[in-house]
Amino acid sequence: MAIRLPGVVHAKQLLRIRTSSSGRGVPKGYCAVYVGESQKKRFVIPVSYLNHHEFQALLSQAVEEYGYSHPMGGLTIPCREDIFVSLTSRLGA
């Protein structure tokens, strides 16, 4: 018997929205972020997540690691993908 967690499933589906390299497909109110330690994966998240305390801590780590200029050209978060998915699942609940 499986336990279903609809909030987690919804968050994963939301995070899996990927856009083409042209930047199309990012809906209004969302932004693209790159997550990962060595391989970067692109996620599309609600802009409202940027205001949460836990997400602010990730942004502080990004500034320490990359400064305000990064070669990826976008918002890059230096953490493991599973940690990021867990955090965004909690924020979306």
PDB file of N, CA and C in Angstrom:
ATOM      1  N   MET A   1       0.849  -1.173   0.000  1.00  0.00           N
ATOM      2  CA  MET A   1       0.000   0.000   0.000  1.00  0.00           C
ATOM      3  C   MET A   1       0.894   1.236   0.000  1.00  0.00           C
ATOM      4  N   ALA A   2       0.662   2.126  -0.909  1.00  0.00           N
ATOM      5  CA  ALA A   2       1.489   3.323  -1.041  1.00  0.00           C
ATOM      6  C   ALA A   2       0.842   4.504  -0.334  1.00  0.00           C
ATOM      7  N   ILE A   3       1.675   5.387   0.156  1.00  0.00           N
ATOM      8  CA  ILE A   3       1.204   6.621   0.777  1.00  0.00           C
ATOM      9  C   ILE A   3       1.352   7.726  -0.256  1.00  0.00           C
ATOM     10  N   ARG A   4       0.288   8.439  -0.515  1.00  0.00           N
ATOM     11  CA  ARG A   4       0.322   9.502  -1.516  1.00  0.00           C
ATOM     12  C   ARG A   4       0.473  10.848  -0.829  1.00  0.00           C
ATOM     13  N   LEU A   5       1.360  11.653  -1.342  1.00  0.00           N
ATOM     14  CA  LEU A   5       1.580  13.001  -0.834  1.00  0.00           C
ATOM     15  C   LEU A   5       1.307  13.982  -1.967  1.00  0.00           C
ATOM     16  N   PRO A   6       0.057  14.431  -2.127  1.00  0.00           N
ATOM     17  CA  PRO A   6      -0.290  15.264  -3.268  1.00  0.00           C
ATOM     18  C   PRO A   6       0.482  16.575  -3.336  1.00  0.00           C
ATOM     19  N   GLY A   7       0.823  17.164  -2.203  1.00  0.00           N
ATOM     20  CA  GLY A   7       1.581  18.409  -2.213  1.00  0.00           C
ATOM     21  C   GLY A   7       2.968  18.233  -2.797  1.00  0.00           C
ATOM     22  N   VAL A   8       3.604  17.111  -2.457  1.00  0.00           N
ATOM     23  CA  VAL A   8       4.940  16.824  -2.968  1.00  0.00           C
ATOM     24  C   VAL A   8       4.873  16.541  -4.456  1.00  0.00           C
ATOM     25  N   VAL A   9       3.895  15.769  -4.890  1.00  0.00           N
ATOM     26  CA  VAL A   9       3.749  15.453  -6.308  1.00  0.00           C
ATOM     27  C   VAL A   9       3.513  16.731  -7.099  1.00  0.00           C
ATOM     28  N   HIS A  10       2.624  17.597  -6.613  1.00  0.00           N
ATOM     29  CA  HIS A  10       2.352  18.856  -7.295  1.00  0.00           C
ATOM     30  C   HIS A  10       3.609  19.709  -7.398  1.00  0.00           C
ATOM     31  N   ALA A  11       4.369  19.792  -6.330  1.00  0.00           N
ATOM     32  CA  ALA A  11       5.594  20.593  -6.342  1.00  0.00           C
ATOM     33  C   ALA A  11       6.593  20.034  -7.345  1.00  0.00           C
ATOM     34  N   LYS A  12       6.726  18.711  -7.398  1.00  0.00           N
ATOM     35  CA  LYS A  12       7.649  18.111  -8.350  1.00  0.00           C
ATOM     36  C   LYS A  12       7.204  18.382  -9.776  1.00  0.00           C
ATOM     37  N   GLN A  13       5.900  18.294 -10.034  1.00  0.00           N
ATOM     38  CA  GLN A  13       5.406  18.586 -11.375  1.00  0.00           C
ATOM     39  C   GLN A  13       5.665  20.036 -11.732  1.00  0.00           C
ATOM     40  N   LEU A  14       5.450  20.932 -10.806  1.00  0.00           N
ATOM     41  CA  LEU A  14       5.689  22.349 -11.040  1.00  0.00           C
ATOM     42  C   LEU A  14       7.161  22.608 -11.317  1.00  0.00           C
ATOM     43  N   LEU A  15       8.034  21.972 -10.540  1.00  0.00           N
ATOM     44  CA  LEU A  15       9.466  22.184 -10.713  1.00  0.00           C
ATOM     45  C   LEU A  15       9.991  21.570 -11.994  1.00  0.00           C
ATOM     46  N   ARG A  16       9.325  20.582 -12.517  1.00  0.00           N
ATOM     47  CA  ARG A  16       9.798  19.899 -13.720  1.00  0.00           C
ATOM     48  C   ARG A  16       9.475  20.677 -14.992  1.00  0.00           C
ATOM     49  N   ILE A  17       8.738  21.777 -14.885  1.00  0.00           N
ATOM     50  CA  ILE A  17       8.474  22.592 -16.064  1.00  0.00           C
ATOM     51  C   ILE A  17       9.814  23.122 -16.547  1.00  0.00           C
ATOM     52  N   ARG A  18      10.159  22.753 -17.720  1.00  0.00           N
ATOM     53  CA  ARG A  18      11.434  23.204 -18.272  1.00  0.00           C
ATOM     54  C   ARG A  18      11.162  24.041 -19.493  1.00  0.00           C
ATOM     55  N   THR A  19      12.063  24.929 -19.780  1.00  0.00           N
ATOM     56  CA  THR A  19      11.878  25.793 -20.928  1.00  0.00           C
ATOM     57  C   THR A  19      12.962  25.523 -21.947  1.00  0.00           C
ATOM     58  N   SER A  20      12.711  25.956 -23.136  1.00  0.00           N
ATOM     59  CA  SER A  20      13.725  25.820 -24.175  1.00  0.00           C
ATOM     60  C   SER A  20      14.837  26.823 -23.937  1.00  0.00           C
ATOM     61  N   SER A  21      15.916  26.687 -24.677  1.00  0.00           N
ATOM     62  CA  SER A  21      17.056  27.579 -24.480  1.00  0.00           C
ATOM     63  C   SER A  21      16.731  29.015 -24.875  1.00  0.00           C
ATOM     64  N   SER A  22      15.635  29.228 -25.602  1.00  0.00           N
ATOM     65  CA  SER A  22      15.268  30.584 -26.005  1.00  0.00           C
ATOM     66  C   SER A  22      14.620  31.361 -24.867  1.00  0.00           C
ATOM     67  N   GLY A  23      14.309  30.685 -23.752  1.00  0.00           N
ATOM     68  CA  GLY A  23      13.735  31.366 -22.600  1.00  0.00           C
ATOM     69  C   GLY A  23      12.220  31.380 -22.615  1.00  0.00           C
ATOM     70  N   ARG A  24      11.601  30.838 -23.649  1.00  0.00           N
ATOM     71  CA  ARG A  24      10.144  30.793 -23.701  1.00  0.00           C
ATOM     72  C   ARG A  24       9.629  29.792 -22.690  1.00  0.00           C
ATOM     73  N   GLY A  25       8.406  29.951 -22.288  1.00  0.00           N
ATOM     74  CA  GLY A  25       7.792  28.977 -21.423  1.00  0.00           C
ATOM     75  C   GLY A  25       7.851  29.303 -19.951  1.00  0.00           C
ATOM     76  N   VAL A  26       8.463  30.400 -19.558  1.00  0.00           N
ATOM     77  CA  VAL A  26       8.463  30.790 -18.147  1.00  0.00           C
ATOM     78  C   VAL A  26       7.252  31.683 -17.941  1.00  0.00           C
ATOM     79  N   PRO A  27       6.242  31.172 -17.247  1.00  0.00           N
ATOM     80  CA  PRO A  27       5.022  31.956 -17.064  1.00  0.00           C
ATOM     81  C   PRO A  27       5.252  33.180 -16.179  1.00  0.00           C
ATOM     82  N   LYS A  28       4.371  34.145 -16.328  1.00  0.00           N
ATOM     83  CA  LYS A  28       4.425  35.346 -15.510  1.00  0.00           C
ATOM     84  C   LYS A  28       4.298  34.947 -14.041  1.00  0.00           C
ATOM     85  N   GLY A  29       5.143  35.534 -13.194  1.00  0.00           N
ATOM     86  CA  GLY A  29       5.129  35.214 -11.774  1.00  0.00           C
ATOM     87  C   GLY A  29       6.073  34.090 -11.392  1.00  0.00           C
ATOM     88  N   TYR A  30       6.838  33.595 -12.345  1.00  0.00           N
ATOM     89  CA  TYR A  30       7.796  32.518 -12.125  1.00  0.00           C
ATOM     90  C   TYR A  30       9.172  32.957 -12.606  1.00  0.00           C
ATOM     91  N   CYS A  31      10.202  32.260 -12.150  1.00  0.00           N
ATOM     92  CA  CYS A  31      11.550  32.525 -12.643  1.00  0.00           C
ATOM     93  C   CYS A  31      12.297  31.201 -12.764  1.00  0.00           C
ATOM     94  N   ALA A  32      13.282  31.198 -13.626  1.00  0.00           N
ATOM     95  CA  ALA A  32      14.096  29.999 -13.825  1.00  0.00           C
ATOM     96  C   ALA A  32      15.305  30.065 -12.909  1.00  0.00           C
ATOM     97  N   VAL A  33      15.636  28.956 -12.290  1.00  0.00           N
ATOM     98  CA  VAL A  33      16.838  28.849 -11.467  1.00  0.00           C
ATOM     99  C   VAL A  33      17.593  27.598 -11.869  1.00  0.00           C
ATOM    100  N   TYR A  34      18.899  27.639 -11.702  1.00  0.00           N
ATOM    101  CA  TYR A  34      19.757  26.496 -11.984  1.00  0.00           C
ATOM    102  C   TYR A  34      20.235  25.932 -10.660  1.00  0.00           C
ATOM    103  N   VAL A  35      20.063  24.625 -10.477  1.00  0.00           N
ATOM    104  CA  VAL A  35      20.350  23.987  -9.192  1.00  0.00           C
ATOM    105  C   VAL A  35      21.283  22.805  -9.417  1.00  0.00           C
ATOM    106  N   GLY A  36      22.240  22.659  -8.517  1.00  0.00           N
ATOM    107  CA  GLY A  36      23.121  21.510  -8.563  1.00  0.00           C
ATOM    108  C   GLY A  36      24.521  21.893  -8.146  1.00  0.00           C
ATOM    109  N   GLU A  37      25.285  20.883  -7.777  1.00  0.00           N
ATOM    110  CA  GLU A  37      26.656  21.145  -7.357  1.00  0.00           C
ATOM    111  C   GLU A  37      27.614  21.107  -8.542  1.00  0.00           C
ATOM    112  N   SER A  38      27.535  20.075  -9.365  1.00  0.00           N
ATOM    113  CA  SER A  38      28.403  20.026 -10.547  1.00  0.00           C
ATOM    114  C   SER A  38      27.559  20.132 -11.815  1.00  0.00           C
ATOM    115  N   GLN A  39      26.547  19.271 -11.962  1.00  0.00           N
ATOM    116  CA  GLN A  39      25.617  19.364 -13.082  1.00  0.00           C
ATOM    117  C   GLN A  39      24.490  20.291 -12.679  1.00  0.00           C
ATOM    118  N   LYS A  40      24.250  21.325 -13.435  1.00  0.00           N
ATOM    119  CA  LYS A  40      23.166  22.254 -13.127  1.00  0.00           C
ATOM    120  C   LYS A  40      21.900  21.841 -13.860  1.00  0.00           C
ATOM    121  N   LYS A  41      20.784  21.836 -13.146  1.00  0.00           N
ATOM    122  CA  LYS A  41      19.493  21.499 -13.718  1.00  0.00           C
ATOM    123  C   LYS A  41      18.585  22.717 -13.585  1.00  0.00           C
ATOM    124  N   ARG A  42      17.833  23.001 -14.609  1.00  0.00           N
ATOM    125  CA  ARG A  42      16.976  24.184 -14.622  1.00  0.00           C
ATOM    126  C   ARG A  42      15.599  23.838 -14.064  1.00  0.00           C
ATOM    127  N   PHE A  43      15.113  24.685 -13.146  1.00  0.00           N
ATOM    128  CA  PHE A  43      13.776  24.576 -12.580  1.00  0.00           C
ATOM    129  C   PHE A  43      13.076  25.902 -12.745  1.00  0.00           C
ATOM    130  N   VAL A  44      11.761  25.862 -12.832  1.00  0.00           N
ATOM    131  CA  VAL A  44      10.952  27.077 -12.878  1.00  0.00           C
ATOM    132  C   VAL A  44      10.158  27.121 -11.581  1.00  0.00           C
ATOM    133  N   ILE A  45      10.335  28.198 -10.822  1.00  0.00           N
ATOM    134  CA  ILE A  45       9.700  28.300  -9.505  1.00  0.00           C
ATOM    135  C   ILE A  45       8.886  29.587  -9.417  1.00  0.00           C
ATOM    136  N   PRO A  46       7.888  29.620  -8.535  1.00  0.00           N
ATOM    137  CA  PRO A  46       7.154  30.868  -8.313  1.00  0.00           C
ATOM    138  C   PRO A  46       8.075  31.928  -7.701  1.00  0.00           C
ATOM    139  N   VAL A  47       7.937  33.153  -8.136  1.00  0.00           N
ATOM    140  CA  VAL A  47       8.757  34.253  -7.612  1.00  0.00           C
ATOM    141  C   VAL A  47       8.534  34.418  -6.115  1.00  0.00           C
ATOM    142  N   SER A  48       7.355  34.067  -5.627  1.00  0.00           N
ATOM    143  CA  SER A  48       7.056  34.208  -4.193  1.00  0.00           C
ATOM    144  C   SER A  48       7.999  33.396  -3.313  1.00  0.00           C
ATOM    145  N   TYR A  49       8.592  32.319  -3.839  1.00  0.00           N
ATOM    146  CA  TYR A  49       9.531  31.520  -3.063  1.00  0.00           C
ATOM    147  C   TYR A  49      10.759  32.329  -2.655  1.00  0.00           C
ATOM    148  N   LEU A  50      11.105  33.328  -3.440  1.00  0.00           N
ATOM    149  CA  LEU A  50      12.308  34.118  -3.177  1.00  0.00           C
ATOM    150  C   LEU A  50      12.218  34.894  -1.863  1.00  0.00           C
ATOM    151  N   ASN A  51      11.022  35.109  -1.352  1.00  0.00           N
ATOM    152  CA  ASN A  51      10.840  35.861  -0.107  1.00  0.00           C
ATOM    153  C   ASN A  51      10.922  35.005   1.151  1.00  0.00           C
ATOM    154  N   HIS A  52      10.857  33.692   1.016  1.00  0.00           N
ATOM    155  CA  HIS A  52      10.863  32.807   2.181  1.00  0.00           C
ATOM    156  C   HIS A  52      12.253  32.755   2.823  1.00  0.00           C
ATOM    157  N   HIS A  53      12.249  32.668   4.150  1.00  0.00           N
ATOM    158  CA  HIS A  53      13.492  32.675   4.931  1.00  0.00           C
ATOM    159  C   HIS A  53      14.452  31.567   4.496  1.00  0.00           C
ATOM    160  N   GLU A  54      13.941  30.356   4.321  1.00  0.00           N
ATOM    161  CA  GLU A  54      14.808  29.233   3.941  1.00  0.00           C
ATOM    162  C   GLU A  54      15.409  29.434   2.545  1.00  0.00           C
ATOM    163  N   PHE A  55      14.615  29.988   1.646  1.00  0.00           N
ATOM    164  CA  PHE A  55      15.126  30.230   0.302  1.00  0.00           C
ATOM    165  C   PHE A  55      16.143  31.366   0.320  1.00  0.00           C
ATOM    166  N   GLN A  56      15.948  32.340   1.200  1.00  0.00           N
ATOM    167  CA  GLN A  56      16.906  33.437   1.353  1.00  0.00           C
ATOM    168  C   GLN A  56      18.273  32.898   1.767  1.00  0.00           C
ATOM    169  N   ALA A  57      18.285  31.853   2.597  1.00  0.00           N
ATOM    170  CA  ALA A  57      19.556  31.242   3.004  1.00  0.00           C
ATOM    171  C   ALA A  57      20.273  30.649   1.799  1.00  0.00           C
ATOM    172  N   LEU A  58      19.528  30.007   0.896  1.00  0.00           N
ATOM    173  CA  LEU A  58      20.132  29.475  -0.326  1.00  0.00           C
ATOM    174  C   LEU A  58      20.681  30.599  -1.202  1.00  0.00           C
ATOM    175  N   LEU A  59      19.954  31.704  -1.264  1.00  0.00           N
ATOM    176  CA  LEU A  59      20.422  32.840  -2.058  1.00  0.00           C
ATOM    177  C   LEU A  59      21.704  33.434  -1.469  1.00  0.00           C
ATOM    178  N   SER A  60      21.806  33.448  -0.149  1.00  0.00           N
ATOM    179  CA  SER A  60      23.035  33.927   0.499  1.00  0.00           C
ATOM    180  C   SER A  60      24.217  33.028   0.159  1.00  0.00           C
ATOM    181  N   GLN A  61      23.975  31.706   0.146  1.00  0.00           N
ATOM    182  CA  GLN A  61      25.027  30.769  -0.249  1.00  0.00           C
ATOM    183  C   GLN A  61      25.454  31.020  -1.698  1.00  0.00           C
ATOM    184  N   ALA A  62      24.479  31.310  -2.547  1.00  0.00           N
ATOM    185  CA  ALA A  62      24.783  31.566  -3.965  1.00  0.00           C
ATOM    186  C   ALA A  62      25.664  32.794  -4.108  1.00  0.00           C
ATOM    187  N   VAL A  63      25.387  33.829  -3.341  1.00  0.00           N
ATOM    188  CA  VAL A  63      26.197  35.048  -3.405  1.00  0.00           C
ATOM    189  C   VAL A  63      27.615  34.768  -2.919  1.00  0.00           C
ATOM    190  N   GLU A  64      27.735  33.992  -1.834  1.00  0.00           N
ATOM    191  CA  GLU A  64      29.068  33.641  -1.331  1.00  0.00           C
ATOM    192  C   GLU A  64      29.856  32.838  -2.356  1.00  0.00           C
ATOM    193  N   GLU A  65      29.167  31.912  -3.033  1.00  0.00           N
ATOM    194  CA  GLU A  65      29.838  31.021  -3.976  1.00  0.00           C
ATOM    195  C   GLU A  65      30.161  31.702  -5.307  1.00  0.00           C
ATOM    196  N   TYR A  66      29.182  32.439  -5.846  1.00  0.00           N
ATOM    197  CA  TYR A  66      29.327  32.983  -7.196  1.00  0.00           C
ATOM    198  C   TYR A  66      29.412  34.502  -7.268  1.00  0.00           C
ATOM    199  N   GLY A  67      29.097  35.191  -6.191  1.00  0.00           N
ATOM    200  CA  GLY A  67      28.995  36.641  -6.268  1.00  0.00           C
ATOM    201  C   GLY A  67      27.705  37.008  -6.985  1.00  0.00           C
ATOM    202  N   TYR A  68      27.654  38.199  -7.549  1.00  0.00           N
ATOM    203  CA  TYR A  68      26.439  38.629  -8.243  1.00  0.00           C
ATOM    204  C   TYR A  68      26.533  38.419  -9.743  1.00  0.00           C
ATOM    205  N   SER A  69      27.617  37.873 -10.209  1.00  0.00           N
ATOM    206  CA  SER A  69      27.788  37.615 -11.633  1.00  0.00           C
ATOM    207  C   SER A  69      28.190  36.159 -11.803  1.00  0.00           C
ATOM    208  N   HIS A  70      27.417  35.420 -12.585  1.00  0.00           N
ATOM    209  CA  HIS A  70      27.717  34.011 -12.778  1.00  0.00           C
ATOM    210  C   HIS A  70      27.653  33.684 -14.263  1.00  0.00           C
ATOM    211  N   PRO A  71      28.561  32.844 -14.750  1.00  0.00           N
ATOM    212  CA  PRO A  71      28.608  32.541 -16.179  1.00  0.00           C
ATOM    213  C   PRO A  71      27.346  31.886 -16.739  1.00  0.00           C
ATOM    214  N   MET A  72      26.518  31.263 -15.903  1.00  0.00           N
ATOM    215  CA  MET A  72      25.282  30.654 -16.395  1.00  0.00           C
ATOM    216  C   MET A  72      24.305  31.728 -16.878  1.00  0.00           C
ATOM    217  N   GLY A  73      24.468  32.941 -16.375  1.00  0.00           N
ATOM    218  CA  GLY A  73      23.602  34.026 -16.797  1.00  0.00           C
ATOM    219  C   GLY A  73      22.257  34.063 -16.097  1.00  0.00           C
ATOM    220  N   GLY A  74      22.038  33.207 -15.136  1.00  0.00           N
ATOM    221  CA  GLY A  74      20.777  33.174 -14.415  1.00  0.00           C
ATOM    222  C   GLY A  74      21.008  32.968 -12.942  1.00  0.00           C
ATOM    223  N   LEU A  75      19.925  32.826 -12.222  1.00  0.00           N
ATOM    224  CA  LEU A  75      20.000  32.593 -10.788  1.00  0.00           C
ATOM    225  C   LEU A  75      20.454  31.154 -10.568  1.00  0.00           C
ATOM    226  N   THR A  76      21.623  30.976  -9.957  1.00  0.00           N
ATOM    227  CA  THR A  76      22.202  29.648  -9.754  1.00  0.00           C
ATOM    228  C   THR A  76      22.304  29.359  -8.264  1.00  0.00           C
ATOM    229  N   ILE A  77      21.767  28.221  -7.846  1.00  0.00           N
ATOM    230  CA  ILE A  77      21.739  27.822  -6.442  1.00  0.00           C
ATOM    231  C   ILE A  77      22.720  26.663  -6.247  1.00  0.00           C
ATOM    232  N   PRO A  78      23.736  26.823  -5.393  1.00  0.00           N
ATOM    233  CA  PRO A  78      24.720  25.756  -5.191  1.00  0.00           C
ATOM    234  C   PRO A  78      24.310  24.761  -4.106  1.00  0.00           C
ATOM    235  N   CYS A  79      23.314  23.941  -4.396  1.00  0.00           N
ATOM    236  CA  CYS A  79      22.926  22.906  -3.447  1.00  0.00           C
ATOM    237  C   CYS A  79      22.509  21.668  -4.233  1.00  0.00           C
ATOM    238  N   ARG A  80      22.386  20.558  -3.534  1.00  0.00           N
ATOM    239  CA  ARG A  80      21.973  19.321  -4.198  1.00  0.00           C
ATOM    240  C   ARG A  80      20.520  19.438  -4.657  1.00  0.00           C
ATOM    241  N   GLU A  81      20.232  18.786  -5.745  1.00  0.00           N
ATOM    242  CA  GLU A  81      18.892  18.835  -6.324  1.00  0.00           C
ATOM    243  C   GLU A  81      17.833  18.304  -5.368  1.00  0.00           C
ATOM    244  N   ASP A  82      18.121  17.220  -4.648  1.00  0.00           N
ATOM    245  CA  ASP A  82      17.131  16.648  -3.738  1.00  0.00           C
ATOM    246  C   ASP A  82      16.802  17.592  -2.588  1.00  0.00           C
ATOM    247  N   ILE A  83      17.781  18.333  -2.107  1.00  0.00           N
ATOM    248  CA  ILE A  83      17.540  19.322  -1.049  1.00  0.00           C
ATOM    249  C   ILE A  83      16.652  20.438  -1.571  1.00  0.00           C
ATOM    250  N   PHE A  84      16.928  20.897  -2.792  1.00  0.00           N
ATOM    251  CA  PHE A  84      16.131  21.961  -3.405  1.00  0.00           C
ATOM    252  C   PHE A  84      14.683  21.513  -3.598  1.00  0.00           C
ATOM    253  N   VAL A  85      14.477  20.300  -4.093  1.00  0.00           N
ATOM    254  CA  VAL A  85      13.122  19.781  -4.305  1.00  0.00           C
ATOM    255  C   VAL A  85      12.391  19.657  -2.968  1.00  0.00           C
ATOM    256  N   SER A  86      13.082  19.199  -1.943  1.00  0.00           N
ATOM    257  CA  SER A  86      12.482  19.085  -0.616  1.00  0.00           C
ATOM    258  C   SER A  86      12.046  20.453  -0.089  1.00  0.00           C
ATOM    259  N   LEU A  87      12.923  21.446  -0.232  1.00  0.00           N
ATOM    260  CA  LEU A  87      12.616  22.802   0.235  1.00  0.00           C
ATOM    261  C   LEU A  87      11.407  23.369  -0.512  1.00  0.00           C
ATOM    262  N   THR A  88      11.417  23.270  -1.819  1.00  0.00           N
ATOM    263  CA  THR A  88      10.316  23.843  -2.596  1.00  0.00           C
ATOM    264  C   THR A  88       9.017  23.085  -2.355  1.00  0.00           C
ATOM    265  N   SER A  89       9.091  21.803  -2.025  1.00  0.00           N
ATOM    266  CA  SER A  89       7.884  21.044  -1.675  1.00  0.00           C
ATOM    267  C   SER A  89       7.265  21.596  -0.400  1.00  0.00           C
ATOM    268  N   ARG A  90       8.116  21.912   0.580  1.00  0.00           N
ATOM    269  CA  ARG A  90       7.624  22.497   1.836  1.00  0.00           C
ATOM    270  C   ARG A  90       7.052  23.887   1.598  1.00  0.00           C
ATOM    271  N   LEU A  91       7.695  24.676   0.758  1.00  0.00           N
ATOM    272  CA  LEU A  91       7.214  26.029   0.500  1.00  0.00           C
ATOM    273  C   LEU A  91       5.899  26.025  -0.246  1.00  0.00           C
ATOM    274  N   GLY A  92       5.702  25.034  -1.096  1.00  0.00           N
ATOM    275  CA  GLY A  92       4.482  24.949  -1.885  1.00  0.00           C
ATOM    276  C   GLY A  92       3.289  24.362  -1.139  1.00  0.00           C
ATOM    277  N   ALA A  93       3.568  23.777   0.027  1.00  0.00           N
ATOM    278  CA  ALA A  93       2.475  23.119   0.780  1.00  0.00           C
ATOM    279  C   ALA A  93       1.611  24.118   1.497  1.00  0.00           C
TER     280      ALA A  93
END
